[in-house]
């Protein structure tokens, strides 16, 4: 499990996700945006709440996990 996952603003999280290969898919309901990542031949689709001020560390880690990032990939993106 990666250590020191920080709380992030939604735009900071999206910047990291794009660096990891995620792409904007479409606008969702309300303040959500839908992002997609192709991992091991599978399409991973995850909504991200853009209206939140700060995303908590457990929430940030859950987003990374839903996209299928490994511990090494997460630590590389956060460094």
PDB file of N, CA and C in Angstrom:
ATOM      1  N   UNK A   1       0.847  -1.180   0.000  1.00  0.00           N
ATOM      2  CA  UNK A   1       0.000   0.000   0.000  1.00  0.00           C
ATOM      3  C   UNK A   1       0.888   1.238   0.000  1.00  0.00           C
ATOM      4  N   UNK A   2       0.616   2.185  -0.901  1.00  0.00           N
ATOM      5  CA  UNK A   2       1.453   3.380  -0.951  1.00  0.00           C
ATOM      6  C   UNK A   2       1.297   4.224   0.316  1.00  0.00           C
ATOM      7  N   UNK A   3       2.405   4.799   0.742  1.00  0.00           N
ATOM      8  CA  UNK A   3       2.381   5.625   1.941  1.00  0.00           C
ATOM      9  C   UNK A   3       2.339   7.088   1.536  1.00  0.00           C
ATOM     10  N   UNK A   4       1.871   7.903   2.447  1.00  0.00           N
ATOM     11  CA  UNK A   4       1.855   9.351   2.267  1.00  0.00           C
ATOM     12  C   UNK A   4       1.053   9.796   1.051  1.00  0.00           C
ATOM     13  N   UNK A   5      -0.128   9.224   0.869  1.00  0.00           N
ATOM     14  CA  UNK A   5      -1.021   9.715  -0.170  1.00  0.00           C
ATOM     15  C   UNK A   5      -1.612  11.015   0.358  1.00  0.00           C
ATOM     16  N   UNK A   6      -1.390  12.133  -0.324  1.00  0.00           N
ATOM     17  CA  UNK A   6      -1.860  13.417   0.197  1.00  0.00           C
ATOM     18  C   UNK A   6      -3.319  13.678  -0.151  1.00  0.00           C
ATOM     19  N   UNK A   7      -3.914  14.639   0.538  1.00  0.00           N
ATOM     20  CA  UNK A   7      -5.219  15.120   0.099  1.00  0.00           C
ATOM     21  C   UNK A   7      -4.945  16.052  -1.078  1.00  0.00           C
ATOM     22  N   UNK A   8      -5.774  15.971  -2.095  1.00  0.00           N
ATOM     23  CA  UNK A   8      -5.547  16.734  -3.319  1.00  0.00           C
ATOM     24  C   UNK A   8      -6.798  17.483  -3.728  1.00  0.00           C
ATOM     25  N   UNK A   9      -6.605  18.580  -4.428  1.00  0.00           N
ATOM     26  CA  UNK A   9      -7.726  19.266  -5.061  1.00  0.00           C
ATOM     27  C   UNK A   9      -8.058  18.481  -6.324  1.00  0.00           C
ATOM     28  N   UNK A  10      -9.308  18.538  -6.786  1.00  0.00           N
ATOM     29  CA  UNK A  10      -9.683  17.748  -7.961  1.00  0.00           C
ATOM     30  C   UNK A  10      -8.802  18.010  -9.185  1.00  0.00           C
ATOM     31  N   UNK A  11      -8.439  19.260  -9.433  1.00  0.00           N
ATOM     32  CA  UNK A  11      -7.610  19.564 -10.610  1.00  0.00           C
ATOM     33  C   UNK A  11      -6.216  18.958 -10.483  1.00  0.00           C
ATOM     34  N   UNK A  12      -5.671  18.911  -9.269  1.00  0.00           N
ATOM     35  CA  UNK A  12      -4.356  18.287  -9.058  1.00  0.00           C
ATOM     36  C   UNK A  12      -4.440  16.787  -9.313  1.00  0.00           C
ATOM     37  N   UNK A  13      -5.519  16.158  -8.838  1.00  0.00           N
ATOM     38  CA  UNK A  13      -5.706  14.728  -9.056  1.00  0.00           C
ATOM     39  C   UNK A  13      -5.815  14.428 -10.552  1.00  0.00           C
ATOM     40  N   UNK A  14      -6.555  15.239 -11.267  1.00  0.00           N
ATOM     41  CA  UNK A  14      -6.720  15.022 -12.704  1.00  0.00           C
ATOM     42  C   UNK A  14      -5.395  15.181 -13.434  1.00  0.00           C
ATOM     43  N   UNK A  15      -4.579  16.119 -13.016  1.00  0.00           N
ATOM     44  CA  UNK A  15      -3.262  16.298 -13.631  1.00  0.00           C
ATOM     45  C   UNK A  15      -2.433  15.028 -13.468  1.00  0.00           C
ATOM     46  N   UNK A  16      -2.471  14.436 -12.266  1.00  0.00           N
ATOM     47  CA  UNK A  16      -1.742  13.187 -12.013  1.00  0.00           C
ATOM     48  C   UNK A  16      -2.321  12.024 -12.826  1.00  0.00           C
ATOM     49  N   UNK A  17      -3.650  11.965 -12.904  1.00  0.00           N
ATOM     50  CA  UNK A  17      -4.283  10.882 -13.649  1.00  0.00           C
ATOM     51  C   UNK A  17      -3.941  10.957 -15.131  1.00  0.00           C
ATOM     52  N   UNK A  18      -3.923  12.159 -15.684  1.00  0.00           N
ATOM     53  CA  UNK A  18      -3.565  12.316 -17.100  1.00  0.00           C
ATOM     54  C   UNK A  18      -2.131  11.881 -17.347  1.00  0.00           C
ATOM     55  N   UNK A  19      -1.257  12.170 -16.412  1.00  0.00           N
ATOM     56  CA  UNK A  19       0.134  11.728 -16.527  1.00  0.00           C
ATOM     57  C   UNK A  19       0.211  10.202 -16.507  1.00  0.00           C
ATOM     58  N   UNK A  20      -0.740   9.560 -15.832  1.00  0.00           N
ATOM     59  CA  UNK A  20      -0.774   8.107 -15.741  1.00  0.00           C
ATOM     60  C   UNK A  20      -1.531   7.428 -16.873  1.00  0.00           C
ATOM     61  N   UNK A  21      -2.032   8.197 -17.834  1.00  0.00           N
ATOM     62  CA  UNK A  21      -2.686   7.608 -18.995  1.00  0.00           C
ATOM     63  C   UNK A  21      -4.200   7.700 -19.015  1.00  0.00           C
ATOM     64  N   UNK A  22      -4.808   8.405 -18.076  1.00  0.00           N
ATOM     65  CA  UNK A  22      -6.263   8.569 -18.068  1.00  0.00           C
ATOM     66  C   UNK A  22      -6.654   9.690 -19.012  1.00  0.00           C
ATOM     67  N   UNK A  23      -7.862   9.582 -19.576  1.00  0.00           N
ATOM     68  CA  UNK A  23      -8.352  10.596 -20.507  1.00  0.00           C
ATOM     69  C   UNK A  23      -9.760  11.027 -20.106  1.00  0.00           C
ATOM     70  N   UNK A  24     -10.068  12.282 -20.408  1.00  0.00           N
ATOM     71  CA  UNK A  24     -11.418  12.790 -20.177  1.00  0.00           C
ATOM     72  C   UNK A  24     -12.370  12.050 -21.109  1.00  0.00           C
ATOM     73  N   UNK A  25     -13.499  11.596 -20.555  1.00  0.00           N
ATOM     74  CA  UNK A  25     -14.475  10.862 -21.359  1.00  0.00           C
ATOM     75  C   UNK A  25     -15.695  11.735 -21.648  1.00  0.00           C
ATOM     76  N   UNK A  26     -16.316  12.271 -20.588  1.00  0.00           N
ATOM     77  CA  UNK A  26     -17.489  13.131 -20.776  1.00  0.00           C
ATOM     78  C   UNK A  26     -17.845  13.808 -19.457  1.00  0.00           C
ATOM     79  N   UNK A  27     -18.763  14.759 -19.539  1.00  0.00           N
ATOM     80  CA  UNK A  27     -19.300  15.398 -18.343  1.00  0.00           C
ATOM     81  C   UNK A  27     -20.338  14.461 -17.731  1.00  0.00           C
ATOM     82  N   UNK A  28     -20.362  14.404 -16.413  1.00  0.00           N
ATOM     83  CA  UNK A  28     -21.355  13.591 -15.722  1.00  0.00           C
ATOM     84  C   UNK A  28     -22.450  14.480 -15.166  1.00  0.00           C
ATOM     85  N   UNK A  29     -23.236  13.932 -14.254  1.00  0.00           N
ATOM     86  CA  UNK A  29     -24.291  14.721 -13.627  1.00  0.00           C
ATOM     87  C   UNK A  29     -23.693  15.639 -12.570  1.00  0.00           C
ATOM     88  N   UNK A  30     -24.265  16.803 -12.441  1.00  0.00           N
ATOM     89  CA  UNK A  30     -23.808  17.740 -11.415  1.00  0.00           C
ATOM     90  C   UNK A  30     -22.385  18.193 -11.668  1.00  0.00           C
ATOM     91  N   UNK A  31     -21.548  18.099 -10.653  1.00  0.00           N
ATOM     92  CA  UNK A  31     -20.161  18.551 -10.742  1.00  0.00           C
ATOM     93  C   UNK A  31     -19.188  17.425 -11.090  1.00  0.00           C
ATOM     94  N   UNK A  32     -19.667  16.331 -11.618  1.00  0.00           N
ATOM     95  CA  UNK A  32     -18.795  15.186 -11.893  1.00  0.00           C
ATOM     96  C   UNK A  32     -18.294  15.200 -13.338  1.00  0.00           C
ATOM     97  N   UNK A  33     -17.065  14.718 -13.508  1.00  0.00           N
ATOM     98  CA  UNK A  33     -16.497  14.472 -14.827  1.00  0.00           C
ATOM     99  C   UNK A  33     -16.090  13.013 -14.875  1.00  0.00           C
ATOM    100  N   UNK A  34     -16.304  12.402 -16.008  1.00  0.00           N
ATOM    101  CA  UNK A  34     -16.018  10.984 -16.177  1.00  0.00           C
ATOM    102  C   UNK A  34     -14.683  10.839 -16.913  1.00  0.00           C
ATOM    103  N   UNK A  35     -13.779  10.060 -16.318  1.00  0.00           N
ATOM    104  CA  UNK A  35     -12.471   9.789 -16.930  1.00  0.00           C
ATOM    105  C   UNK A  35     -12.346   8.307 -17.206  1.00  0.00           C
ATOM    106  N   UNK A  36     -11.526   7.972 -18.201  1.00  0.00           N
ATOM    107  CA  UNK A  36     -11.376   6.590 -18.624  1.00  0.00           C
ATOM    108  C   UNK A  36      -9.896   6.245 -18.736  1.00  0.00           C
ATOM    109  N   UNK A  37      -9.570   4.979 -18.454  1.00  0.00           N
ATOM    110  CA  UNK A  37      -8.203   4.469 -18.617  1.00  0.00           C
ATOM    111  C   UNK A  37      -8.295   3.033 -19.100  1.00  0.00           C
ATOM    112  N   UNK A  38      -7.492   2.708 -20.098  1.00  0.00           N
ATOM    113  CA  UNK A  38      -7.427   1.343 -20.603  1.00  0.00           C
ATOM    114  C   UNK A  38      -6.260   0.652 -19.922  1.00  0.00           C
ATOM    115  N   UNK A  39      -6.552  -0.431 -19.206  1.00  0.00           N
ATOM    116  CA  UNK A  39      -5.550  -1.137 -18.421  1.00  0.00           C
ATOM    117  C   UNK A  39      -5.712  -2.633 -18.651  1.00  0.00           C
ATOM    118  N   UNK A  40      -4.690  -3.272 -19.172  1.00  0.00           N
ATOM    119  CA  UNK A  40      -4.685  -4.716 -19.423  1.00  0.00           C
ATOM    120  C   UNK A  40      -5.873  -5.145 -20.281  1.00  0.00           C
ATOM    121  N   UNK A  41      -6.153  -4.349 -21.306  1.00  0.00           N
ATOM    122  CA  UNK A  41      -7.233  -4.677 -22.223  1.00  0.00           C
ATOM    123  C   UNK A  41      -8.625  -4.378 -21.706  1.00  0.00           C
ATOM    124  N   UNK A  42      -8.726  -3.753 -20.535  1.00  0.00           N
ATOM    125  CA  UNK A  42     -10.027  -3.426 -19.960  1.00  0.00           C
ATOM    126  C   UNK A  42     -10.193  -1.916 -19.889  1.00  0.00           C
ATOM    127  N   UNK A  43     -11.413  -1.481 -20.060  1.00  0.00           N
ATOM    128  CA  UNK A  43     -11.736  -0.061 -19.971  1.00  0.00           C
ATOM    129  C   UNK A  43     -12.215   0.232 -18.554  1.00  0.00           C
ATOM    130  N   UNK A  44     -11.527   1.147 -17.884  1.00  0.00           N
ATOM    131  CA  UNK A  44     -11.899   1.545 -16.520  1.00  0.00           C
ATOM    132  C   UNK A  44     -12.490   2.948 -16.584  1.00  0.00           C
ATOM    133  N   UNK A  45     -13.712   3.109 -16.115  1.00  0.00           N
ATOM    134  CA  UNK A  45     -14.415   4.387 -16.150  1.00  0.00           C
ATOM    135  C   UNK A  45     -14.717   4.808 -14.719  1.00  0.00           C
ATOM    136  N   UNK A  46     -14.287   6.032 -14.352  1.00  0.00           N
ATOM    137  CA  UNK A  46     -14.440   6.495 -12.970  1.00  0.00           C
ATOM    138  C   UNK A  46     -14.922   7.950 -12.964  1.00  0.00           C
ATOM    139  N   UNK A  47     -15.974   8.255 -12.171  1.00  0.00           N
ATOM    140  CA  UNK A  47     -16.400   9.653 -12.014  1.00  0.00           C
ATOM    141  C   UNK A  47     -15.555  10.352 -10.951  1.00  0.00           C
ATOM    142  N   UNK A  48     -15.268  11.621 -11.190  1.00  0.00           N
ATOM    143  CA  UNK A  48     -14.510  12.421 -10.223  1.00  0.00           C
ATOM    144  C   UNK A  48     -15.325  13.668  -9.895  1.00  0.00           C
ATOM    145  N   UNK A  49     -15.503  13.923  -8.601  1.00  0.00           N
ATOM    146  CA  UNK A  49     -16.283  15.060  -8.118  1.00  0.00           C
ATOM    147  C   UNK A  49     -15.446  16.327  -8.210  1.00  0.00           C
ATOM    148  N   UNK A  50     -15.793  17.199  -9.143  1.00  0.00           N
ATOM    149  CA  UNK A  50     -15.035  18.435  -9.341  1.00  0.00           C
ATOM    150  C   UNK A  50     -15.467  19.527  -8.367  1.00  0.00           C
ATOM    151  N   UNK A  51     -16.585  19.357  -7.697  1.00  0.00           N
ATOM    152  CA  UNK A  51     -17.098  20.371  -6.788  1.00  0.00           C
ATOM    153  C   UNK A  51     -16.488  20.320  -5.402  1.00  0.00           C
ATOM    154  N   UNK A  52     -15.725  19.284  -5.110  1.00  0.00           N
ATOM    155  CA  UNK A  52     -15.129  19.144  -3.783  1.00  0.00           C
ATOM    156  C   UNK A  52     -13.949  20.100  -3.631  1.00  0.00           C
ATOM    157  N   UNK A  53     -13.775  20.646  -2.449  1.00  0.00           N
ATOM    158  CA  UNK A  53     -12.645  21.527  -2.189  1.00  0.00           C
ATOM    159  C   UNK A  53     -11.349  20.742  -2.112  1.00  0.00           C
ATOM    160  N   UNK A  54     -11.317  19.724  -1.267  1.00  0.00           N
ATOM    161  CA  UNK A  54     -10.156  18.840  -1.118  1.00  0.00           C
ATOM    162  C   UNK A  54     -10.667  17.411  -1.085  1.00  0.00           C
ATOM    163  N   UNK A  55      -9.951  16.530  -1.761  1.00  0.00           N
ATOM    164  CA  UNK A  55     -10.284  15.110  -1.751  1.00  0.00           C
ATOM    165  C   UNK A  55      -9.402  14.438  -0.703  1.00  0.00           C
ATOM    166  N   UNK A  56     -10.002  13.690   0.192  1.00  0.00           N
ATOM    167  CA  UNK A  56      -9.262  13.063   1.295  1.00  0.00           C
ATOM    168  C   UNK A  56      -8.316  11.977   0.764  1.00  0.00           C
ATOM    169  N   UNK A  57      -7.246  11.680   1.517  1.00  0.00           N
ATOM    170  CA  UNK A  57      -6.304  10.631   1.084  1.00  0.00           C
ATOM    171  C   UNK A  57      -6.958   9.275   0.789  1.00  0.00           C
ATOM    172  N   UNK A  58      -7.897   8.788   1.625  1.00  0.00           N
ATOM    173  CA  UNK A  58      -8.534   7.511   1.271  1.00  0.00           C
ATOM    174  C   UNK A  58      -9.322   7.579  -0.046  1.00  0.00           C
ATOM    175  N   UNK A  59      -9.961   8.730  -0.306  1.00  0.00           N
ATOM    176  CA  UNK A  59     -10.714   8.905  -1.549  1.00  0.00           C
ATOM    177  C   UNK A  59      -9.764   8.928  -2.746  1.00  0.00           C
ATOM    178  N   UNK A  60      -8.640   9.633  -2.617  1.00  0.00           N
ATOM    179  CA  UNK A  60      -7.642   9.697  -3.685  1.00  0.00           C
ATOM    180  C   UNK A  60      -7.112   8.301  -3.986  1.00  0.00           C
ATOM    181  N   UNK A  61      -6.793   7.539  -2.951  1.00  0.00           N
ATOM    182  CA  UNK A  61      -6.291   6.184  -3.136  1.00  0.00           C
ATOM    183  C   UNK A  61      -7.349   5.300  -3.809  1.00  0.00           C
ATOM    184  N   UNK A  62      -8.606   5.465  -3.418  1.00  0.00           N
ATOM    185  CA  UNK A  62      -9.681   4.678  -4.024  1.00  0.00           C
ATOM    186  C   UNK A  62      -9.806   4.975  -5.517  1.00  0.00           C
ATOM    187  N   UNK A  63      -9.662   6.241  -5.907  1.00  0.00           N
ATOM    188  CA  UNK A  63      -9.707   6.614  -7.329  1.00  0.00           C
ATOM    189  C   UNK A  63      -8.581   5.913  -8.082  1.00  0.00           C
ATOM    190  N   UNK A  64      -7.356   5.974  -7.536  1.00  0.00           N
ATOM    191  CA  UNK A  64      -6.228   5.298  -8.185  1.00  0.00           C
ATOM    192  C   UNK A  64      -6.502   3.807  -8.327  1.00  0.00           C
ATOM    193  N   UNK A  65      -7.037   3.180  -7.289  1.00  0.00           N
ATOM    194  CA  UNK A  65      -7.324   1.748  -7.316  1.00  0.00           C
ATOM    195  C   UNK A  65      -8.389   1.407  -8.364  1.00  0.00           C
ATOM    196  N   UNK A  66      -9.420   2.261  -8.472  1.00  0.00           N
ATOM    197  CA  UNK A  66     -10.478   2.003  -9.445  1.00  0.00           C
ATOM    198  C   UNK A  66      -9.937   2.055 -10.876  1.00  0.00           C
ATOM    199  N   UNK A  67      -8.936   2.883 -11.098  1.00  0.00           N
ATOM    200  CA  UNK A  67      -8.315   2.956 -12.421  1.00  0.00           C
ATOM    201  C   UNK A  67      -7.321   1.816 -12.648  1.00  0.00           C
ATOM    202  N   UNK A  68      -7.020   1.025 -11.639  1.00  0.00           N
ATOM    203  CA  UNK A  68      -6.143  -0.117 -11.796  1.00  0.00           C
ATOM    204  C   UNK A  68      -4.664   0.184 -11.660  1.00  0.00           C
ATOM    205  N   UNK A  69      -4.308   1.288 -11.021  1.00  0.00           N
ATOM    206  CA  UNK A  69      -2.898   1.622 -10.807  1.00  0.00           C
ATOM    207  C   UNK A  69      -2.301   0.694  -9.747  1.00  0.00           C
ATOM    208  N   UNK A  70      -1.068   0.275  -9.947  1.00  0.00           N
ATOM    209  CA  UNK A  70      -0.358  -0.530  -8.953  1.00  0.00           C
ATOM    210  C   UNK A  70       0.259   0.404  -7.915  1.00  0.00           C
ATOM    211  N   UNK A  71       0.754  -0.176  -6.816  1.00  0.00           N
ATOM    212  CA  UNK A  71       1.399   0.632  -5.776  1.00  0.00           C
ATOM    213  C   UNK A  71       2.590   1.401  -6.338  1.00  0.00           C
ATOM    214  N   UNK A  72       3.388   0.739  -7.178  1.00  0.00           N
ATOM    215  CA  UNK A  72       4.566   1.403  -7.761  1.00  0.00           C
ATOM    216  C   UNK A  72       4.153   2.568  -8.657  1.00  0.00           C
ATOM    217  N   UNK A  73       3.103   2.371  -9.453  1.00  0.00           N
ATOM    218  CA  UNK A  73       2.634   3.452 -10.336  1.00  0.00           C
ATOM    219  C   UNK A  73       2.121   4.633  -9.521  1.00  0.00           C
ATOM    220  N   UNK A  74       1.409   4.351  -8.447  1.00  0.00           N
ATOM    221  CA  UNK A  74       0.871   5.430  -7.599  1.00  0.00           C
ATOM    222  C   UNK A  74       2.010   6.218  -6.986  1.00  0.00           C
ATOM    223  N   UNK A  75       3.006   5.528  -6.434  1.00  0.00           N
ATOM    224  CA  UNK A  75       4.127   6.230  -5.815  1.00  0.00           C
ATOM    225  C   UNK A  75       4.918   7.037  -6.835  1.00  0.00           C
ATOM    226  N   UNK A  76       5.050   6.517  -8.050  1.00  0.00           N
ATOM    227  CA  UNK A  76       5.763   7.249  -9.102  1.00  0.00           C
ATOM    228  C   UNK A  76       5.001   8.514  -9.497  1.00  0.00           C
ATOM    229  N   UNK A  77       3.671   8.432  -9.582  1.00  0.00           N
ATOM    230  CA  UNK A  77       2.860   9.599  -9.926  1.00  0.00           C
ATOM    231  C   UNK A  77       2.895  10.663  -8.836  1.00  0.00           C
ATOM    232  N   UNK A  78       2.937  10.222  -7.578  1.00  0.00           N
ATOM    233  CA  UNK A  78       2.909  11.170  -6.468  1.00  0.00           C
ATOM    234  C   UNK A  78       4.259  11.798  -6.166  1.00  0.00           C
ATOM    235  N   UNK A  79       5.334  11.226  -6.704  1.00  0.00           N
ATOM    236  CA  UNK A  79       6.666  11.777  -6.407  1.00  0.00           C
ATOM    237  C   UNK A  79       7.060  12.875  -7.375  1.00  0.00           C
TER     238      UNK A  79
END
